[in-house]
Amino acid sequence: MKIKEIITVLEEMAPLAYAEDFDNVGLIVGNQESDATGILVCHDALENIIDEAISKNCNLVVCFHPILFAGLKKITGKNYVERAVLKAIKNDISIYAVHTALDNHQNGVNKIFCDALGLTNTKILIPKQNFIRKLITFTIPENVEQVRNALFTAGAGTIGNYENCSFNSKGMGTFMGNENSDPQIGEQFEFVETAEIKIEVTFEKYLENKILKALFQNHIYEEVAYEIYDLGNKHQNIGLGMIGELGSPMKEKDFLLFVKEKMQASGIRHSSFLGREVKKIAVLGGAGSFAIKNAIQAGADVFLTADLKYHQFYEAENQVLLADIGHFESERYTKNYIVEYLRKKILNFAVILAEENSNPVKYL
């Protein structure tokens, strides 16, 4: 199996188009044309993880955090990033990172977080915007079903929990070909009036090339008339963070002790207790201080995240209980999810969960 075949599976799990613009996801080190010997899944692709990959004959390391985040001008081994990259290159080990591509997925990091706590009725906390486009095209009634089905197969027409969504309206089309035309209806220089159907579908913008290819291959006309628009709609199934509900309300302290146990946190920093029971919980794995206002606006009783600074605890404003459970701890089960996903999709192939601990934070 080639590494590029595994990458296809990884991109089905976490499409790179879902990642934030600042991020560095995908194949970071290595050659996708190489044959894969095994996959080691980890949180951070540090030097000790590369050593583990070597010992277990895995030449592909799939990590959550990208080891290369900013550009490197020199690779001399002077820091932990350069040492890991050097060792990977020297030993022909490829490194692939998923990070915010999986953060933003509806079944990704924050759904895993919610599931670990048993939260129900979950939905995205900060839906992704400027990610949806609309295609409008026109064809004769006899060609409508073929075009529409091809667009659906390419990924167009999905809205929330519904697929194959489109709007179709009848109208009259006109055209006249020139000397270079080869019209399917009428002759060159003939003014044609014909019944047409207007097809409208929405799609995620990263699918545009695939959808246009399907349109052109299945449309009957020599020249295909179409329009594409950016929409301001929020994508309810893609975005950062998640909010859900406990099965039964809990007292604040009891809930934090419950979180500490479930997420195996060594400690939890939190804002002042508000003296009320909690039921509606917002989560955002990793550094999530930017989402405090979103959690409050969503009516969360508690917001669980990581990397909160001193002054950011003031932003609770007696409206929400803020709890910092630790960066690694908030994303703890992500690597397990990746392993389970790959094992289901790639049968009879070594997919190994790394044993080395890459959490740099220790507690007394």
Protein backbone atom coordinates (compact mmCIF):
# COMPACT_ATOMS: atom_id res chain seq x y z
CA MET A 1 0.00 0.00 0.00
CA LYS A 2 1.29 3.43 -0.96
CA ILE A 3 1.35 6.26 1.56
CA LYS A 4 -0.85 8.27 -0.80
CA GLU A 5 -3.58 5.62 -0.45
CA ILE A 6 -3.52 6.08 3.32
CA ILE A 7 -3.62 9.85 2.84
CA THR A 8 -6.85 9.43 0.85
CA VAL A 9 -8.40 7.67 3.85
CA LEU A 10 -7.11 10.34 6.23
CA GLU A 11 -8.59 13.09 4.09
CA GLU A 12 -11.94 11.32 4.15
CA MET A 13 -11.75 11.38 7.95
CA ALA A 14 -10.56 15.00 8.13
CA PRO A 15 -10.73 16.94 4.82
CA LEU A 16 -7.81 19.36 4.63
CA ALA A 17 -10.20 22.04 3.40
CA TYR A 18 -11.78 22.02 6.88
CA ALA A 19 -8.53 23.25 8.46
CA GLU A 20 -8.02 26.83 9.57
CA ASP A 21 -5.96 29.06 7.29
CA PHE A 22 -3.16 29.48 9.84
CA ASP A 23 -2.66 25.74 10.20
CA ASN A 24 -0.15 23.35 8.62
CA VAL A 25 -1.94 20.08 7.93
CA GLY A 26 -1.46 17.15 5.58
CA LEU A 27 1.81 15.45 4.58
CA ILE A 28 4.56 17.46 6.27
CA VAL A 29 7.56 15.17 5.77
CA GLY A 30 8.05 12.37 3.27
CA ASN A 31 7.10 11.05 -0.15
CA GLN A 32 3.51 10.00 -0.75
CA GLU A 33 4.67 7.57 -3.46
CA SER A 34 6.57 5.45 -0.93
CA ASP A 35 5.27 2.04 0.12
CA ALA A 36 3.89 2.08 3.67
CA THR A 37 5.20 -0.46 6.16
CA GLY A 38 3.02 0.58 9.10
CA ILE A 39 1.26 3.54 10.70
CA LEU A 40 2.07 4.94 14.13
CA VAL A 41 -0.57 7.33 15.50
CA CYS A 42 0.39 9.91 18.10
CA HIS A 43 -0.44 13.32 19.51
CA ASP A 44 2.86 15.04 18.72
CA ALA A 45 5.54 13.72 16.34
CA LEU A 46 8.50 14.29 18.66
CA GLU A 47 11.91 12.63 18.43
CA ASN A 48 10.92 9.87 20.86
CA ILE A 49 7.87 9.13 18.69
CA ILE A 50 10.10 8.81 15.62
CA ASP A 51 12.27 6.39 17.61
CA GLU A 52 9.17 4.36 18.43
CA ALA A 53 8.16 4.34 14.77
CA ILE A 54 11.60 3.05 13.81
CA SER A 55 11.46 0.29 16.43
CA LYS A 56 7.99 -0.80 15.27
CA ASN A 57 8.78 -0.64 11.54
CA CYS A 58 6.26 2.13 10.87
CA ASN A 59 7.33 4.56 8.15
CA LEU A 60 4.24 6.77 8.46
CA VAL A 61 3.56 8.78 11.61
CA VAL A 62 0.07 10.27 11.80
CA CYS A 63 0.02 13.00 14.42
CA PHE A 64 -2.58 15.42 15.67
CA HIS A 65 -0.39 18.51 16.09
CA PRO A 66 1.91 19.43 13.17
CA ILE A 67 5.58 19.24 14.17
CA LEU A 68 6.27 21.96 11.60
CA PHE A 69 4.05 24.96 12.22
CA ALA A 70 6.13 27.88 11.00
CA GLY A 71 8.70 27.75 8.21
CA LEU A 72 12.23 26.51 8.86
CA LYS A 73 15.16 28.33 7.27
CA LYS A 74 17.71 25.87 8.64
CA ILE A 75 17.54 22.27 9.83
CA THR A 76 20.57 21.73 12.05
CA GLY A 77 19.06 19.83 14.97
CA LYS A 78 19.33 22.74 17.40
CA ASN A 79 15.78 22.30 18.78
CA TYR A 80 13.16 19.59 19.28
CA VAL A 81 11.40 20.38 15.99
CA GLU A 82 14.54 20.16 13.86
CA ARG A 83 15.72 16.99 15.63
CA ALA A 84 12.43 15.21 14.98
CA VAL A 85 12.36 16.26 11.32
CA LEU A 86 16.00 15.30 10.77
CA LYS A 87 15.49 11.87 12.28
CA ALA A 88 12.33 11.30 10.25
CA ILE A 89 14.06 12.24 6.98
CA LYS A 90 17.16 10.18 7.80
CA ASN A 91 15.02 7.10 8.43
CA ASP A 92 12.58 7.61 5.52
CA ILE A 93 9.64 8.22 7.84
CA SER A 94 6.75 10.34 6.63
CA ILE A 95 4.77 12.61 8.96
CA TYR A 96 1.13 13.54 8.37
CA ALA A 97 -0.80 15.98 10.62
CA VAL A 98 -4.58 16.43 10.93
CA HIS A 99 -4.97 19.17 13.60
CA THR A 100 -7.73 21.70 12.81
CA ALA A 101 -8.99 19.61 9.87
CA LEU A 102 -10.19 17.23 12.59
CA ASP A 103 -10.95 20.04 15.06
CA ASN A 104 -13.57 21.39 12.66
CA HIS A 105 -15.16 18.06 11.76
CA GLN A 106 -18.53 17.25 13.31
CA ASN A 107 -17.21 13.84 14.43
CA GLY A 108 -13.76 15.14 15.32
CA VAL A 109 -11.94 16.44 18.38
CA ASN A 110 -14.82 18.14 20.12
CA LYS A 111 -17.34 15.36 19.45
CA ILE A 112 -14.79 12.95 20.92
CA PHE A 113 -14.52 15.31 23.92
CA CYS A 114 -18.34 15.38 24.28
CA ASP A 115 -18.64 11.61 23.94
CA ALA A 116 -16.05 11.09 26.68
CA LEU A 117 -18.32 13.10 29.00
CA GLY A 118 -21.53 11.49 27.78
CA LEU A 119 -23.00 14.73 26.44
CA THR A 120 -26.07 14.52 24.20
CA ASN A 121 -27.87 16.87 21.78
CA THR A 122 -24.50 18.13 20.61
CA LYS A 123 -24.00 20.82 17.98
CA ILE A 124 -21.16 22.99 16.69
CA LEU A 125 -20.33 25.95 18.93
CA ILE A 126 -18.79 28.20 16.25
CA PRO A 127 -20.07 27.14 12.81
CA LYS A 128 -17.70 27.79 9.92
CA GLN A 129 -18.66 30.70 7.67
CA ASN A 130 -17.83 31.55 4.06
CA PHE A 131 -17.55 27.85 3.29
CA ILE A 132 -20.71 27.27 1.26
CA ARG A 133 -21.25 28.12 -2.39
CA LYS A 134 -24.23 27.84 -4.71
CA LEU A 135 -24.21 26.52 -8.27
CA ILE A 136 -26.92 27.52 -10.72
CA THR A 137 -27.12 25.85 -14.12
CA PHE A 138 -29.68 25.36 -16.89
CA THR A 139 -30.50 22.42 -19.14
CA ILE A 140 -33.33 20.85 -21.11
CA PRO A 141 -35.84 18.65 -19.21
CA GLU A 142 -34.50 15.46 -20.82
CA ASN A 143 -31.04 16.13 -19.33
CA VAL A 144 -32.08 17.30 -15.86
CA GLU A 145 -31.97 13.98 -14.02
CA GLN A 146 -28.55 13.05 -15.40
CA VAL A 147 -27.02 16.42 -14.48
CA ARG A 148 -28.65 16.62 -11.08
CA ASN A 149 -27.63 13.09 -10.06
CA ALA A 150 -24.06 13.71 -11.20
CA LEU A 151 -23.91 16.85 -9.05
CA PHE A 152 -25.27 14.93 -6.05
CA THR A 153 -22.69 12.18 -6.56
CA ALA A 154 -19.93 14.81 -6.64
CA GLY A 155 -21.04 16.12 -3.24
CA ALA A 156 -23.46 18.92 -4.04
CA GLY A 157 -26.88 19.24 -2.45
CA THR A 158 -26.10 18.37 1.18
CA ILE A 159 -27.78 20.59 3.78
CA GLY A 160 -27.41 19.51 7.40
CA ASN A 161 -28.95 16.05 7.77
CA TYR A 162 -30.35 16.04 4.23
CA GLU A 163 -28.77 15.00 0.94
CA ASN A 164 -29.76 15.43 -2.74
CA CYS A 165 -31.20 18.89 -2.03
CA SER A 166 -31.90 21.12 -5.03
CA PHE A 167 -34.36 23.68 -6.31
CA ASN A 168 -35.66 23.34 -9.85
CA SER A 169 -37.72 25.86 -11.82
CA LYS A 170 -39.04 25.93 -15.37
CA GLY A 171 -38.21 28.64 -17.85
CA MET A 172 -37.40 29.48 -21.45
CA GLY A 173 -33.83 29.51 -22.75
CA THR A 174 -32.63 31.15 -25.93
CA PHE A 175 -29.39 30.92 -27.92
CA MET A 176 -27.92 31.17 -31.40
CA GLY A 177 -24.66 29.51 -32.44
CA ASN A 178 -21.94 31.08 -34.58
CA GLU A 179 -19.85 29.50 -37.32
CA ASN A 180 -17.73 27.60 -34.76
CA SER A 181 -20.67 26.13 -32.85
CA ASP A 182 -21.98 22.57 -32.82
CA PRO A 183 -25.42 22.95 -31.20
CA GLN A 184 -27.28 19.94 -29.83
CA ILE A 185 -30.56 21.71 -30.56
CA GLY A 186 -31.13 23.68 -33.78
CA GLU A 187 -28.56 24.69 -36.39
CA GLN A 188 -25.76 27.21 -36.68
CA PHE A 189 -27.07 30.79 -36.91
CA GLU A 190 -30.55 29.61 -35.91
CA PHE A 191 -32.24 31.49 -33.06
CA VAL A 192 -33.52 28.78 -30.70
CA GLU A 193 -36.14 29.04 -27.98
CA THR A 194 -36.39 25.94 -25.82
CA ALA A 195 -37.88 24.87 -22.50
CA GLU A 196 -35.19 24.61 -19.82
CA ILE A 197 -34.95 23.72 -16.15
CA LYS A 198 -32.94 25.87 -13.78
CA ILE A 199 -31.09 23.73 -11.21
CA GLU A 200 -29.79 25.26 -7.97
CA VAL A 201 -27.59 23.36 -5.50
CA THR A 202 -25.28 24.32 -2.65
CA PHE A 203 -21.91 22.71 -1.95
CA GLU A 204 -18.82 23.00 0.25
CA LYS A 205 -16.37 25.21 -1.62
CA TYR A 206 -13.48 22.73 -1.65
CA LEU A 207 -15.63 20.45 -3.86
CA GLU A 208 -15.94 23.05 -6.64
CA ASN A 209 -13.54 21.45 -9.16
CA LYS A 210 -15.11 18.02 -8.68
CA ILE A 211 -18.63 19.42 -9.08
CA LEU A 212 -17.79 21.42 -12.20
CA LYS A 213 -16.18 18.35 -13.74
CA ALA A 214 -19.38 16.38 -13.09
CA LEU A 215 -21.45 19.22 -14.58
CA PHE A 216 -19.43 19.44 -17.80
CA GLN A 217 -19.29 15.66 -18.27
CA ASN A 218 -23.04 15.19 -17.92
CA HIS A 219 -24.49 18.31 -19.52
CA ILE A 220 -25.89 17.93 -23.01
CA TYR A 221 -24.95 21.41 -24.26
CA GLU A 222 -21.70 22.22 -26.02
CA GLU A 223 -21.38 25.37 -23.90
CA VAL A 224 -22.62 24.99 -20.32
CA ALA A 225 -24.19 28.05 -18.75
CA TYR A 226 -23.60 28.16 -14.99
CA GLU A 227 -23.16 30.60 -12.11
CA ILE A 228 -21.36 30.18 -8.77
CA TYR A 229 -21.99 32.37 -5.73
CA ASP A 230 -20.36 32.61 -2.29
CA LEU A 231 -22.95 32.34 0.48
CA GLY A 232 -22.80 33.90 3.91
CA ASN A 233 -24.58 30.93 5.49
CA LYS A 234 -23.00 29.24 8.50
CA HIS A 235 -22.15 25.57 8.03
CA GLN A 236 -23.92 23.88 10.93
CA ASN A 237 -21.84 20.68 10.70
CA ILE A 238 -18.35 22.20 10.41
CA GLY A 239 -16.69 24.47 12.92
CA LEU A 240 -14.83 24.86 16.19
CA GLY A 241 -16.03 23.71 19.58
CA MET A 242 -19.24 21.96 20.49
CA ILE A 243 -22.06 22.34 22.99
CA GLY A 244 -24.18 19.57 24.48
CA GLU A 245 -26.13 18.53 27.53
CA LEU A 246 -25.61 16.28 30.54
CA GLY A 247 -28.17 13.56 31.09
CA SER A 248 -28.91 15.01 34.53
CA PRO A 249 -27.87 18.33 36.10
CA MET A 250 -24.85 18.26 38.43
CA LYS A 251 -23.41 20.59 41.02
CA GLU A 252 -20.46 22.58 39.71
CA LYS A 253 -17.78 20.97 41.90
CA ASP A 254 -19.15 17.49 41.29
CA PHE A 255 -19.10 18.09 37.57
CA LEU A 256 -15.47 19.28 37.54
CA LEU A 257 -14.45 16.24 39.57
CA PHE A 258 -16.32 14.11 37.02
CA VAL A 259 -14.44 15.84 34.17
CA LYS A 260 -11.12 15.40 35.99
CA GLU A 261 -11.72 11.66 36.21
CA LYS A 262 -13.05 11.15 32.68
CA MET A 263 -10.34 13.23 30.98
CA GLN A 264 -7.59 12.01 33.33
CA ALA A 265 -6.68 15.59 34.19
CA SER A 266 -4.05 16.13 36.89
CA GLY A 267 -5.70 19.40 37.85
CA ILE A 268 -8.35 21.86 36.71
CA ARG A 269 -8.07 25.63 36.92
CA HIS A 270 -11.46 27.31 36.98
CA SER A 271 -13.28 30.60 37.53
CA SER A 272 -15.53 31.24 40.52
CA PHE A 273 -18.39 28.85 41.15
CA LEU A 274 -21.76 30.46 40.44
CA GLY A 275 -23.68 28.38 42.96
CA ARG A 276 -25.97 26.66 40.47
CA GLU A 277 -26.39 23.27 38.90
CA VAL A 278 -24.93 22.75 35.44
CA LYS A 279 -26.43 20.92 32.47
CA LYS A 280 -25.43 22.70 29.26
CA ILE A 281 -21.73 22.22 28.57
CA ALA A 282 -19.54 23.86 25.90
CA VAL A 283 -16.19 22.30 24.99
CA LEU A 284 -13.28 23.28 22.78
CA GLY A 285 -10.25 21.02 22.71
CA GLY A 286 -6.92 22.82 22.86
CA ALA A 287 -6.50 26.57 23.28
CA GLY A 288 -10.04 27.97 23.32
CA SER A 289 -10.03 31.33 25.06
CA PHE A 290 -11.30 33.00 21.88
CA ALA A 291 -14.60 31.12 22.27
CA ILE A 292 -15.55 32.32 25.76
CA LYS A 293 -18.11 34.79 24.39
CA ASN A 294 -19.51 32.14 22.07
CA ALA A 295 -20.02 29.79 25.01
CA ILE A 296 -21.82 32.52 26.96
CA GLN A 297 -24.01 33.45 23.99
CA ALA A 298 -24.91 29.77 23.52
CA GLY A 299 -26.15 29.64 27.11
CA ALA A 300 -23.49 27.24 28.38
CA ASP A 301 -23.30 26.69 32.13
CA VAL A 302 -19.69 25.52 31.83
CA PHE A 303 -17.02 26.04 29.18
CA LEU A 304 -14.28 23.38 29.15
CA THR A 305 -11.10 24.21 27.25
CA ALA A 306 -7.37 24.78 27.81
CA ASP A 307 -4.56 27.35 27.92
CA LEU A 308 -6.58 30.11 29.60
CA LYS A 309 -4.50 33.06 30.79
CA TYR A 310 -4.97 34.81 34.13
CA HIS A 311 -7.04 37.75 32.88
CA GLN A 312 -9.20 35.56 30.65
CA PHE A 313 -10.84 34.02 33.69
CA TYR A 314 -12.39 37.46 34.34
CA GLU A 315 -14.26 37.09 31.05
CA ALA A 316 -16.59 34.61 32.73
CA GLU A 317 -18.43 37.72 34.00
CA ASN A 318 -20.43 35.53 36.43
CA GLN A 319 -22.27 34.10 33.42
CA VAL A 320 -20.38 30.87 32.87
CA LEU A 321 -18.00 28.60 34.75
CA LEU A 322 -14.69 28.51 32.89
CA ALA A 323 -12.52 25.42 33.35
CA ASP A 324 -9.02 24.85 31.97
CA ILE A 325 -8.37 21.10 32.06
CA GLY A 326 -5.06 21.14 30.16
CA HIS A 327 -4.26 21.18 26.45
CA PHE A 328 -3.22 17.55 26.08
CA GLU A 329 -6.02 16.39 28.38
CA SER A 330 -8.72 18.14 26.34
CA GLU A 331 -7.54 16.32 23.20
CA ARG A 332 -6.55 13.11 24.98
CA TYR A 333 -8.74 10.64 23.07
CA THR A 334 -8.18 12.06 19.59
CA LYS A 335 -5.36 9.67 18.71
CA ASN A 336 -7.49 6.72 19.81
CA TYR A 337 -10.22 7.87 17.43
CA ILE A 338 -7.75 8.09 14.55
CA VAL A 339 -6.47 4.57 15.24
CA GLU A 340 -10.00 3.13 15.35
CA TYR A 341 -10.95 4.93 12.15
CA LEU A 342 -7.90 3.71 10.24
CA ARG A 343 -8.30 0.14 11.46
CA LYS A 344 -11.87 0.07 10.16
CA LYS A 345 -10.88 1.52 6.79
CA ILE A 346 -7.55 -0.24 6.24
CA LEU A 347 -7.86 -3.92 7.06
CA ASN A 348 -4.95 -6.29 7.68
CA PHE A 349 -2.44 -3.48 8.03
CA ALA A 350 -0.41 -2.34 11.04
CA VAL A 351 -2.05 0.71 12.65
CA ILE A 352 -0.43 1.24 16.04
CA LEU A 353 -1.24 3.64 18.87
CA ALA A 354 1.97 5.26 20.11
CA GLU A 355 3.00 4.31 23.65
CA GLU A 356 5.37 7.25 24.17
CA ASN A 357 3.84 10.17 26.09
CA SER A 358 4.23 13.49 24.27
CA ASN A 359 2.56 15.71 26.89
CA PRO A 360 5.19 18.34 27.82
CA VAL A 361 3.28 19.50 30.93
CA LYS A 362 3.97 17.73 34.22
CA TYR A 363 2.37 18.20 37.62
CA LEU A 364 3.69 17.86 41.18
